Amino acid sequence: MQKPTITNIKQSGVLGEHFFSRDTLRFFGQTMSSFKTDWHNKDQGIIRVYAPMRDHTGQRMGTTERFIDINTFMEVTA
């Protein structure tokens, strides 16, 4: 099982139309390339999508994190 790229996830629309919008990313100090994927549970096909959030000075202030079941392309809670 191959984990999807951030572009695949964006195109699927599983996280909603505004999650990867330019305005949302700018507000949280993120870019598409700041997002990464890791296996949360490879047996169940659940990936973790995450990126650091930065304030207007560039200081890290948290992490955006979502879990996605790649079998159904539905967001799940961990």
PDB file of N, CA and C in Angstrom:
ATOM      1  N   MET A   1       0.852  -1.170   0.000  1.00  0.00           N
ATOM      2  CA  MET A   1       0.000   0.000   0.000  1.00  0.00           C
ATOM      3  C   MET A   1       0.903   1.239   0.000  1.00  0.00           C
ATOM      4  N   GLN A   2       0.644   2.127  -0.926  1.00  0.00           N
ATOM      5  CA  GLN A   2       1.446   3.343  -1.058  1.00  0.00           C
ATOM      6  C   GLN A   2       0.696   4.518  -0.438  1.00  0.00           C
ATOM      7  N   LYS A   3       1.414   5.307   0.343  1.00  0.00           N
ATOM      8  CA  LYS A   3       0.745   6.463   0.949  1.00  0.00           C
ATOM      9  C   LYS A   3       0.618   7.574  -0.084  1.00  0.00           C
ATOM     10  N   PRO A   4      -0.516   8.284  -0.063  1.00  0.00           N
ATOM     11  CA  PRO A   4      -0.735   9.358  -1.041  1.00  0.00           C
ATOM     12  C   PRO A   4       0.110  10.587  -0.721  1.00  0.00           C
ATOM     13  N   THR A   5       0.336  11.386  -1.747  1.00  0.00           N
ATOM     14  CA  THR A   5       1.059  12.645  -1.568  1.00  0.00           C
ATOM     15  C   THR A   5       0.091  13.715  -1.083  1.00  0.00           C
ATOM     16  N   ILE A   6       0.631  14.825  -0.652  1.00  0.00           N
ATOM     17  CA  ILE A   6      -0.203  15.950  -0.219  1.00  0.00           C
ATOM     18  C   ILE A   6      -1.071  16.432  -1.385  1.00  0.00           C
ATOM     19  N   THR A   7      -0.517  16.422  -2.591  1.00  0.00           N
ATOM     20  CA  THR A   7      -1.288  16.834  -3.773  1.00  0.00           C
ATOM     21  C   THR A   7      -2.461  15.895  -4.003  1.00  0.00           C
ATOM     22  N   ASN A   8      -2.261  14.578  -3.840  1.00  0.00           N
ATOM     23  CA  ASN A   8      -3.358  13.619  -3.969  1.00  0.00           C
ATOM     24  C   ASN A   8      -4.455  13.898  -2.949  1.00  0.00           C
ATOM     25  N   ILE A   9      -4.050  14.207  -1.728  1.00  0.00           N
ATOM     26  CA  ILE A   9      -5.017  14.483  -0.663  1.00  0.00           C
ATOM     27  C   ILE A   9      -5.789  15.761  -0.960  1.00  0.00           C
ATOM     28  N   LYS A  10      -5.091  16.778  -1.418  1.00  0.00           N
ATOM     29  CA  LYS A  10      -5.758  18.039  -1.775  1.00  0.00           C
ATOM     30  C   LYS A  10      -6.770  17.809  -2.896  1.00  0.00           C
ATOM     31  N   GLN A  11      -6.374  17.084  -3.926  1.00  0.00           N
ATOM     32  CA  GLN A  11      -7.259  16.838  -5.069  1.00  0.00           C
ATOM     33  C   GLN A  11      -8.474  15.993  -4.690  1.00  0.00           C
ATOM     34  N   SER A  12      -8.329  15.119  -3.691  1.00  0.00           N
ATOM     35  CA  SER A  12      -9.452  14.274  -3.277  1.00  0.00           C
ATOM     36  C   SER A  12     -10.530  15.092  -2.565  1.00  0.00           C
ATOM     37  N   GLY A  13     -10.141  16.210  -1.945  1.00  0.00           N
ATOM     38  CA  GLY A  13     -11.099  17.057  -1.245  1.00  0.00           C
ATOM     39  C   GLY A  13     -11.532  16.515   0.096  1.00  0.00           C
ATOM     40  N   VAL A  14     -10.852  15.493   0.608  1.00  0.00           N
ATOM     41  CA  VAL A  14     -11.248  14.859   1.854  1.00  0.00           C
ATOM     42  C   VAL A  14     -11.213  15.818   3.050  1.00  0.00           C
ATOM     43  N   LEU A  15     -10.347  16.805   3.024  1.00  0.00           N
ATOM     44  CA  LEU A  15     -10.233  17.743   4.138  1.00  0.00           C
ATOM     45  C   LEU A  15     -11.013  19.038   3.913  1.00  0.00           C
ATOM     46  N   GLY A  16     -11.794  19.077   2.873  1.00  0.00           N
ATOM     47  CA  GLY A  16     -12.601  20.253   2.596  1.00  0.00           C
ATOM     48  C   GLY A  16     -11.928  21.195   1.617  1.00  0.00           C
ATOM     49  N   GLU A  17     -12.715  22.078   1.058  1.00  0.00           N
ATOM     50  CA  GLU A  17     -12.205  22.963   0.015  1.00  0.00           C
ATOM     51  C   GLU A  17     -11.319  24.081   0.534  1.00  0.00           C
ATOM     52  N   HIS A  18     -11.401  24.407   1.819  1.00  0.00           N
ATOM     53  CA  HIS A  18     -10.630  25.528   2.363  1.00  0.00           C
ATOM     54  C   HIS A  18      -9.351  25.106   3.091  1.00  0.00           C
ATOM     55  N   PHE A  19      -9.187  23.811   3.359  1.00  0.00           N
ATOM     56  CA  PHE A  19      -8.044  23.346   4.160  1.00  0.00           C
ATOM     57  C   PHE A  19      -6.716  23.736   3.513  1.00  0.00           C
ATOM     58  N   PHE A  20      -6.581  23.555   2.205  1.00  0.00           N
ATOM     59  CA  PHE A  20      -5.350  23.883   1.502  1.00  0.00           C
ATOM     60  C   PHE A  20      -5.461  25.175   0.692  1.00  0.00           C
ATOM     61  N   SER A  21      -6.434  26.030   1.009  1.00  0.00           N
ATOM     62  CA  SER A  21      -6.576  27.272   0.254  1.00  0.00           C
ATOM     63  C   SER A  21      -5.407  28.210   0.569  1.00  0.00           C
ATOM     64  N   ARG A  22      -5.092  29.070  -0.362  1.00  0.00           N
ATOM     65  CA  ARG A  22      -3.978  29.997  -0.209  1.00  0.00           C
ATOM     66  C   ARG A  22      -4.133  30.871   1.037  1.00  0.00           C
ATOM     67  N   ASP A  23      -5.355  31.365   1.277  1.00  0.00           N
ATOM     68  CA  ASP A  23      -5.597  32.230   2.440  1.00  0.00           C
ATOM     69  C   ASP A  23      -5.393  31.479   3.756  1.00  0.00           C
ATOM     70  N   THR A  24      -5.879  30.248   3.827  1.00  0.00           N
ATOM     71  CA  THR A  24      -5.720  29.453   5.046  1.00  0.00           C
ATOM     72  C   THR A  24      -4.251  29.152   5.308  1.00  0.00           C
ATOM     73  N   LEU A  25      -3.543  28.734   4.274  1.00  0.00           N
ATOM     74  CA  LEU A  25      -2.121  28.437   4.433  1.00  0.00           C
ATOM     75  C   LEU A  25      -1.338  29.678   4.869  1.00  0.00           C
ATOM     76  N   ARG A  26      -1.630  30.806   4.262  1.00  0.00           N
ATOM     77  CA  ARG A  26      -0.943  32.055   4.624  1.00  0.00           C
ATOM     78  C   ARG A  26      -1.230  32.432   6.075  1.00  0.00           C
ATOM     79  N   PHE A  27      -2.481  32.272   6.515  1.00  0.00           N
ATOM     80  CA  PHE A  27      -2.861  32.622   7.884  1.00  0.00           C
ATOM     81  C   PHE A  27      -2.043  31.826   8.904  1.00  0.00           C
ATOM     82  N   PHE A  28      -1.799  30.539   8.610  1.00  0.00           N
ATOM     83  CA  PHE A  28      -1.065  29.684   9.533  1.00  0.00           C
ATOM     84  C   PHE A  28       0.428  29.612   9.240  1.00  0.00           C
ATOM     85  N   GLY A  29       0.915  30.429   8.310  1.00  0.00           N
ATOM     86  CA  GLY A  29       2.338  30.466   8.000  1.00  0.00           C
ATOM     87  C   GLY A  29       2.841  29.185   7.359  1.00  0.00           C
ATOM     88  N   GLN A  30       1.991  28.579   6.516  1.00  0.00           N
ATOM     89  CA  GLN A  30       2.319  27.293   5.901  1.00  0.00           C
ATOM     90  C   GLN A  30       2.347  27.398   4.384  1.00  0.00           C
ATOM     91  N   THR A  31       2.943  26.402   3.763  1.00  0.00           N
ATOM     92  CA  THR A  31       2.882  26.217   2.318  1.00  0.00           C
ATOM     93  C   THR A  31       2.524  24.756   2.075  1.00  0.00           C
ATOM     94  N   MET A  32       2.210  24.420   0.844  1.00  0.00           N
ATOM     95  CA  MET A  32       1.917  23.027   0.519  1.00  0.00           C
ATOM     96  C   MET A  32       3.124  22.143   0.844  1.00  0.00           C
ATOM     97  N   SER A  33       4.315  22.665   0.618  1.00  0.00           N
ATOM     98  CA  SER A  33       5.513  21.855   0.864  1.00  0.00           C
ATOM     99  C   SER A  33       5.835  21.686   2.351  1.00  0.00           C
ATOM    100  N   SER A  34       5.186  22.450   3.223  1.00  0.00           N
ATOM    101  CA  SER A  34       5.428  22.258   4.655  1.00  0.00           C
ATOM    102  C   SER A  34       4.655  21.060   5.200  1.00  0.00           C
ATOM    103  N   PHE A  35       3.696  20.536   4.431  1.00  0.00           N
ATOM    104  CA  PHE A  35       2.922  19.375   4.862  1.00  0.00           C
ATOM    105  C   PHE A  35       3.666  18.088   4.566  1.00  0.00           C
ATOM    106  N   LYS A  36       3.597  17.152   5.501  1.00  0.00           N
ATOM    107  CA  LYS A  36       4.228  15.841   5.377  1.00  0.00           C
ATOM    108  C   LYS A  36       3.195  14.760   5.687  1.00  0.00           C
ATOM    109  N   THR A  37       3.484  13.531   5.250  1.00  0.00           N
ATOM    110  CA  THR A  37       2.625  12.398   5.585  1.00  0.00           C
ATOM    111  C   THR A  37       3.470  11.290   6.201  1.00  0.00           C
ATOM    112  N   ASP A  38       2.926  10.643   7.206  1.00  0.00           N
ATOM    113  CA  ASP A  38       3.521   9.473   7.852  1.00  0.00           C
ATOM    114  C   ASP A  38       2.423   8.440   8.048  1.00  0.00           C
ATOM    115  N   TRP A  39       2.833   7.187   8.142  1.00  0.00           N
ATOM    116  CA  TRP A  39       1.853   6.156   8.476  1.00  0.00           C
ATOM    117  C   TRP A  39       1.502   6.279   9.951  1.00  0.00           C
ATOM    118  N   HIS A  40       0.218   6.353  10.259  1.00  0.00           N
ATOM    119  CA  HIS A  40      -0.234   6.301  11.650  1.00  0.00           C
ATOM    120  C   HIS A  40      -0.499   4.849  12.014  1.00  0.00           C
ATOM    121  N   ASN A  41      -1.160   4.124  11.094  1.00  0.00           N
ATOM    122  CA  ASN A  41      -1.409   2.697  11.250  1.00  0.00           C
ATOM    123  C   ASN A  41      -1.429   2.091   9.847  1.00  0.00           C
ATOM    124  N   LYS A  42      -0.323   1.525   9.441  1.00  0.00           N
ATOM    125  CA  LYS A  42      -0.194   1.027   8.065  1.00  0.00           C
ATOM    126  C   LYS A  42      -1.140  -0.145   7.801  1.00  0.00           C
ATOM    127  N   ASP A  43      -1.361  -0.999   8.801  1.00  0.00           N
ATOM    128  CA  ASP A  43      -2.255  -2.150   8.625  1.00  0.00           C
ATOM    129  C   ASP A  43      -3.685  -1.728   8.309  1.00  0.00           C
ATOM    130  N   GLN A  44      -4.139  -0.651   8.930  1.00  0.00           N
ATOM    131  CA  GLN A  44      -5.493  -0.144   8.702  1.00  0.00           C
ATOM    132  C   GLN A  44      -5.547   0.901   7.600  1.00  0.00           C
ATOM    133  N   GLY A  45      -4.391   1.324   7.083  1.00  0.00           N
ATOM    134  CA  GLY A  45      -4.351   2.306   6.000  1.00  0.00           C
ATOM    135  C   GLY A  45      -4.631   3.721   6.454  1.00  0.00           C
ATOM    136  N   ILE A  46      -4.173   4.073   7.655  1.00  0.00           N
ATOM    137  CA  ILE A  46      -4.417   5.420   8.188  1.00  0.00           C
ATOM    138  C   ILE A  46      -3.107   6.200   8.165  1.00  0.00           C
ATOM    139  N   ILE A  47      -3.148   7.371   7.526  1.00  0.00           N
ATOM    140  CA  ILE A  47      -1.972   8.231   7.468  1.00  0.00           C
ATOM    141  C   ILE A  47      -2.186   9.481   8.315  1.00  0.00           C
ATOM    142  N   ARG A  48      -1.083  10.055   8.733  1.00  0.00           N
ATOM    143  CA  ARG A  48      -1.086  11.311   9.486  1.00  0.00           C
ATOM    144  C   ARG A  48      -0.565  12.393   8.556  1.00  0.00           C
ATOM    145  N   VAL A  49      -1.344  13.450   8.393  1.00  0.00           N
ATOM    146  CA  VAL A  49      -0.946  14.615   7.592  1.00  0.00           C
ATOM    147  C   VAL A  49      -0.662  15.733   8.593  1.00  0.00           C
ATOM    148  N   TYR A  50       0.526  16.337   8.497  1.00  0.00           N
ATOM    149  CA  TYR A  50       0.879  17.341   9.495  1.00  0.00           C
ATOM    150  C   TYR A  50       1.797  18.417   8.912  1.00  0.00           C
ATOM    151  N   ALA A  51       1.784  19.580   9.561  1.00  0.00           N
ATOM    152  CA  ALA A  51       2.656  20.699   9.189  1.00  0.00           C
ATOM    153  C   ALA A  51       2.763  21.646  10.383  1.00  0.00           C
ATOM    154  N   PRO A  52       3.924  22.266  10.568  1.00  0.00           N
ATOM    155  CA  PRO A  52       4.059  23.240  11.656  1.00  0.00           C
ATOM    156  C   PRO A  52       3.278  24.521  11.346  1.00  0.00           C
ATOM    157  N   MET A  53       2.715  25.121  12.382  1.00  0.00           N
ATOM    158  CA  MET A  53       2.058  26.425  12.245  1.00  0.00           C
ATOM    159  C   MET A  53       3.028  27.476  12.759  1.00  0.00           C
ATOM    160  N   ARG A  54       3.096  28.607  12.055  1.00  0.00           N
ATOM    161  CA  ARG A  54       4.010  29.680  12.447  1.00  0.00           C
ATOM    162  C   ARG A  54       3.239  30.992  12.573  1.00  0.00           C
ATOM    163  N   ASP A  55       3.654  31.827  13.517  1.00  0.00           N
ATOM    164  CA  ASP A  55       3.020  33.135  13.663  1.00  0.00           C
ATOM    165  C   ASP A  55       3.663  34.128  12.690  1.00  0.00           C
ATOM    166  N   HIS A  56       3.266  35.388  12.785  1.00  0.00           N
ATOM    167  CA  HIS A  56       3.740  36.407  11.839  1.00  0.00           C
ATOM    168  C   HIS A  56       5.243  36.689  11.951  1.00  0.00           C
ATOM    169  N   THR A  57       5.860  36.280  13.076  1.00  0.00           N
ATOM    170  CA  THR A  57       7.304  36.483  13.225  1.00  0.00           C
ATOM    171  C   THR A  57       8.107  35.263  12.786  1.00  0.00           C
ATOM    172  N   GLY A  58       7.415  34.182  12.433  1.00  0.00           N
ATOM    173  CA  GLY A  58       8.096  32.964  12.009  1.00  0.00           C
ATOM    174  C   GLY A  58       8.313  31.962  13.126  1.00  0.00           C
ATOM    175  N   GLN A  59       7.878  32.305  14.341  1.00  0.00           N
ATOM    176  CA  GLN A  59       8.022  31.396  15.471  1.00  0.00           C
ATOM    177  C   GLN A  59       6.981  30.280  15.381  1.00  0.00           C
ATOM    178  N   ARG A  60       7.409  29.065  15.662  1.00  0.00           N
ATOM    179  CA  ARG A  60       6.477  27.936  15.643  1.00  0.00           C
ATOM    180  C   ARG A  60       5.498  28.064  16.796  1.00  0.00           C
ATOM    181  N   MET A  61       4.201  27.921  16.491  1.00  0.00           N
ATOM    182  CA  MET A  61       3.186  28.062  17.532  1.00  0.00           C
ATOM    183  C   MET A  61       2.292  26.845  17.662  1.00  0.00           C
ATOM    184  N   GLY A  62       2.574  25.780  16.916  1.00  0.00           N
ATOM    185  CA  GLY A  62       1.776  24.568  17.007  1.00  0.00           C
ATOM    186  C   GLY A  62       1.927  23.728  15.761  1.00  0.00           C
ATOM    187  N   THR A  63       1.024  22.749  15.623  1.00  0.00           N
ATOM    188  CA  THR A  63       1.060  21.835  14.487  1.00  0.00           C
ATOM    189  C   THR A  63      -0.350  21.591  13.976  1.00  0.00           C
ATOM    190  N   THR A  64      -0.522  21.663  12.681  1.00  0.00           N
ATOM    191  CA  THR A  64      -1.762  21.225  12.044  1.00  0.00           C
ATOM    192  C   THR A  64      -1.629  19.729  11.846  1.00  0.00           C
ATOM    193  N   GLU A  65      -2.639  18.968  12.251  1.00  0.00           N
ATOM    194  CA  GLU A  65      -2.548  17.512  12.165  1.00  0.00           C
ATOM    195  C   GLU A  65      -3.922  16.916  11.858  1.00  0.00           C
ATOM    196  N   ARG A  66      -3.973  16.045  10.879  1.00  0.00           N
ATOM    197  CA  ARG A  66      -5.206  15.337  10.516  1.00  0.00           C
ATOM    198  C   ARG A  66      -4.860  13.882  10.227  1.00  0.00           C
ATOM    199  N   PHE A  67      -5.830  12.996  10.437  1.00  0.00           N
ATOM    200  CA  PHE A  67      -5.662  11.575  10.149  1.00  0.00           C
ATOM    201  C   PHE A  67      -6.659  11.173   9.073  1.00  0.00           C
ATOM    202  N   ILE A  68      -6.181  10.421   8.070  1.00  0.00           N
ATOM    203  CA  ILE A  68      -7.011  10.055   6.929  1.00  0.00           C
ATOM    204  C   ILE A  68      -6.908   8.563   6.677  1.00  0.00           C
ATOM    205  N   ASP A  69      -8.062   7.923   6.501  1.00  0.00           N
ATOM    206  CA  ASP A  69      -8.116   6.515   6.095  1.00  0.00           C
ATOM    207  C   ASP A  69      -8.001   6.492   4.578  1.00  0.00           C
ATOM    208  N   ILE A  70      -6.899   5.958   4.046  1.00  0.00           N
ATOM    209  CA  ILE A  70      -6.692   6.013   2.599  1.00  0.00           C
ATOM    210  C   ILE A  70      -7.496   4.954   1.848  1.00  0.00           C
ATOM    211  N   ASN A  71      -8.105   4.014   2.573  1.00  0.00           N
ATOM    212  CA  ASN A  71      -8.969   3.032   1.913  1.00  0.00           C
ATOM    213  C   ASN A  71     -10.291   3.662   1.483  1.00  0.00           C
ATOM    214  N   THR A  72     -10.791   4.574   2.315  1.00  0.00           N
ATOM    215  CA  THR A  72     -12.070   5.221   2.034  1.00  0.00           C
ATOM    216  C   THR A  72     -11.919   6.706   1.723  1.00  0.00           C
ATOM    217  N   PHE A  73     -10.713   7.244   1.903  1.00  0.00           N
ATOM    218  CA  PHE A  73     -10.436   8.671   1.798  1.00  0.00           C
ATOM    219  C   PHE A  73     -11.423   9.476   2.634  1.00  0.00           C
ATOM    220  N   MET A  74     -11.512   9.082   3.906  1.00  0.00           N
ATOM    221  CA  MET A  74     -12.334   9.785   4.885  1.00  0.00           C
ATOM    222  C   MET A  74     -11.426  10.214   6.042  1.00  0.00           C
ATOM    223  N   GLU A  75     -11.705  11.385   6.600  1.00  0.00           N
ATOM    224  CA  GLU A  75     -10.955  11.840   7.757  1.00  0.00           C
ATOM    225  C   GLU A  75     -11.398  11.012   8.967  1.00  0.00           C
ATOM    226  N   VAL A  76     -10.452  10.626   9.799  1.00  0.00           N
ATOM    227  CA  VAL A  76     -10.758   9.848  10.996  1.00  0.00           C
ATOM    228  C   VAL A  76     -10.204  10.567  12.218  1.00  0.00           C
ATOM    229  N   THR A  77     -10.730  10.218  13.386  1.00  0.00           N
ATOM    230  CA  THR A  77     -10.191  10.755  14.632  1.00  0.00           C
ATOM    231  C   THR A  77      -9.300   9.683  15.243  1.00  0.00           C
ATOM    232  N   ALA A  78      -8.184  10.103  15.784  1.00  0.00           N
ATOM    233  CA  ALA A  78      -7.213   9.135  16.322  1.00  0.00           C
ATOM    234  C   ALA A  78      -7.443   8.884  17.792  1.00  0.00           C
TER     235      ALA A  78
END
